[in-house]
Amino acid sequence: MVQPPRRIASLFRCLAVAVLACGAVASVQAAPAKPARLGLCAACHGETGMAQIPGAPHLAGQKLDYLREALKQYRDGRRNVPLMRAAIGPISDADLDELARWYSAQTPSAPTQGNP
């Protein structure tokens, strides 16, 4: 087997490090900002999406499209859950999207007893 010249091997190592560093920076930049309307949601579902009360579902790591559509359905009354409809209220599409992005980006942790 022919060994590549040291210069080329060094160049490949530098390139690999640069690619990995760019990926890490991109993932940090992609993290959503904490939504302004998170407070009421966090009372039941937790700030990081791990439910705080029995019976409330964990939202951490759920698919973005699922969360977005579920929130729209609660807001519009297509999901008839009075507590959720009252909690969401007349939320804008932009606020709704922020909440869905936030919870979908959270990493689930070990669930506490009594929560799904």
Protein backbone atom coordinates (compact mmCIF):
# COMPACT_ATOMS: atom_id res chain seq x y z
CA MET A 1 0.00 0.00 0.00
CA VAL A 2 1.34 3.40 -0.97
CA GLN A 3 1.27 6.01 1.78
CA PRO A 4 0.02 9.46 0.74
CA PRO A 5 2.50 12.25 1.17
CA ARG A 6 2.35 13.85 4.61
CA ARG A 7 1.27 17.16 3.15
CA ILE A 8 -1.85 15.64 1.56
CA ALA A 9 -2.70 13.65 4.70
CA SER A 10 -2.36 16.83 6.76
CA LEU A 11 -4.60 18.69 4.33
CA PHE A 12 -7.28 15.98 4.63
CA ARG A 13 -7.12 16.14 8.43
CA CYS A 14 -7.54 19.93 8.38
CA LEU A 15 -10.42 19.64 5.95
CA ALA A 16 -12.14 17.04 8.14
CA VAL A 17 -11.77 19.24 11.23
CA ALA A 18 -13.13 22.25 9.33
CA VAL A 19 -16.16 20.30 8.12
CA LEU A 20 -16.90 19.05 11.64
CA ALA A 21 -16.49 22.54 13.09
CA CYS A 22 -18.87 24.01 10.51
CA GLY A 23 -21.44 21.37 11.37
CA ALA A 24 -21.16 22.13 15.08
CA VAL A 25 -21.57 25.87 14.48
CA ALA A 26 -24.56 25.28 12.22
CA SER A 27 -26.30 23.14 14.83
CA VAL A 28 -25.71 25.76 17.53
CA GLN A 29 -27.07 28.50 15.28
CA ALA A 30 -30.10 26.38 14.42
CA ALA A 31 -31.22 26.13 18.05
CA PRO A 32 -34.46 28.07 18.43
CA ALA A 33 -34.76 30.97 20.83
CA LYS A 34 -36.96 30.48 23.88
CA PRO A 35 -40.47 31.59 22.87
CA ALA A 36 -42.02 34.56 24.64
CA ARG A 37 -45.27 32.59 25.07
CA LEU A 38 -43.58 29.56 26.65
CA GLY A 39 -44.70 30.29 30.24
CA LEU A 40 -48.24 28.96 30.16
CA CYS A 41 -47.22 25.88 28.14
CA ALA A 42 -44.35 25.18 30.53
CA ALA A 43 -46.72 25.10 33.51
CA CYS A 44 -47.97 21.69 32.34
CA HIS A 45 -45.55 20.49 29.66
CA GLY A 46 -42.33 21.79 31.24
CA GLU A 47 -39.96 24.36 29.80
CA THR A 48 -37.93 21.61 28.14
CA GLY A 49 -40.97 19.61 27.07
CA MET A 50 -40.93 17.07 29.88
CA ALA A 51 -44.38 17.20 31.50
CA GLN A 52 -44.64 18.62 34.99
CA ILE A 53 -48.05 17.19 35.91
CA PRO A 54 -49.53 13.70 35.59
CA GLY A 55 -51.50 13.19 32.39
CA ALA A 56 -49.82 15.99 30.43
CA PRO A 57 -47.87 14.62 27.47
CA HIS A 58 -44.17 15.15 27.00
CA LEU A 59 -43.49 17.40 24.00
CA ALA A 60 -39.69 17.26 23.88
CA GLY A 61 -38.43 15.90 20.58
CA GLN A 62 -41.86 15.56 18.95
CA LYS A 63 -41.87 16.13 15.19
CA LEU A 64 -42.15 19.80 14.24
CA ASP A 65 -44.98 19.30 11.76
CA TYR A 66 -46.99 17.27 14.27
CA LEU A 67 -46.65 19.91 17.01
CA ARG A 68 -47.44 22.74 14.62
CA GLU A 69 -50.60 21.02 13.35
CA ALA A 70 -51.73 19.96 16.84
CA LEU A 71 -51.40 23.52 18.14
CA LYS A 72 -53.38 24.85 15.17
CA GLN A 73 -56.10 22.30 15.82
CA TYR A 74 -56.34 23.27 19.51
CA ARG A 75 -56.41 26.96 18.60
CA ASP A 76 -59.04 26.52 15.90
CA GLY A 77 -61.22 24.17 17.96
CA ARG A 78 -60.74 21.11 15.73
CA ARG A 79 -59.35 19.35 18.80
CA ASN A 80 -62.00 19.91 21.40
CA VAL A 81 -59.94 20.22 24.58
CA PRO A 82 -61.19 23.29 26.46
CA LEU A 83 -58.09 23.55 28.67
CA MET A 84 -55.75 23.61 25.67
CA ARG A 85 -57.97 25.99 23.72
CA ALA A 86 -58.04 28.38 26.69
CA ALA A 87 -54.26 28.06 27.20
CA ILE A 88 -53.47 28.76 23.56
CA GLY A 89 -56.05 31.50 23.07
CA PRO A 90 -55.80 33.60 19.94
CA ILE A 91 -52.15 32.76 19.26
CA SER A 92 -50.62 33.99 16.01
CA ASP A 93 -49.15 31.59 13.48
CA ALA A 94 -45.69 33.03 14.23
CA ASP A 95 -46.02 32.41 17.99
CA LEU A 96 -47.45 28.97 17.34
CA ASP A 97 -44.51 28.15 15.08
CA GLU A 98 -42.01 29.34 17.73
CA LEU A 99 -43.56 27.03 20.32
CA ALA A 100 -43.57 24.06 17.95
CA ARG A 101 -39.94 24.71 16.97
CA TRP A 102 -38.89 25.07 20.61
CA TYR A 103 -40.44 21.84 21.81
CA SER A 104 -39.38 19.81 18.77
CA ALA A 105 -35.77 20.92 19.31
CA GLN A 106 -35.70 19.80 22.96
CA THR A 107 -34.09 16.50 23.90
CA PRO A 108 -36.34 14.11 25.81
CA SER A 109 -35.08 12.94 29.17
CA ALA A 110 -36.19 10.02 31.30
CA PRO A 111 -39.94 10.46 31.95
CA THR A 112 -41.24 10.81 35.44
CA GLN A 113 -43.74 8.31 36.75
CA GLY A 114 -47.34 8.83 35.63
CA ASN A 115 -46.59 10.77 32.45
CA PRO A 116 -46.74 9.33 28.92
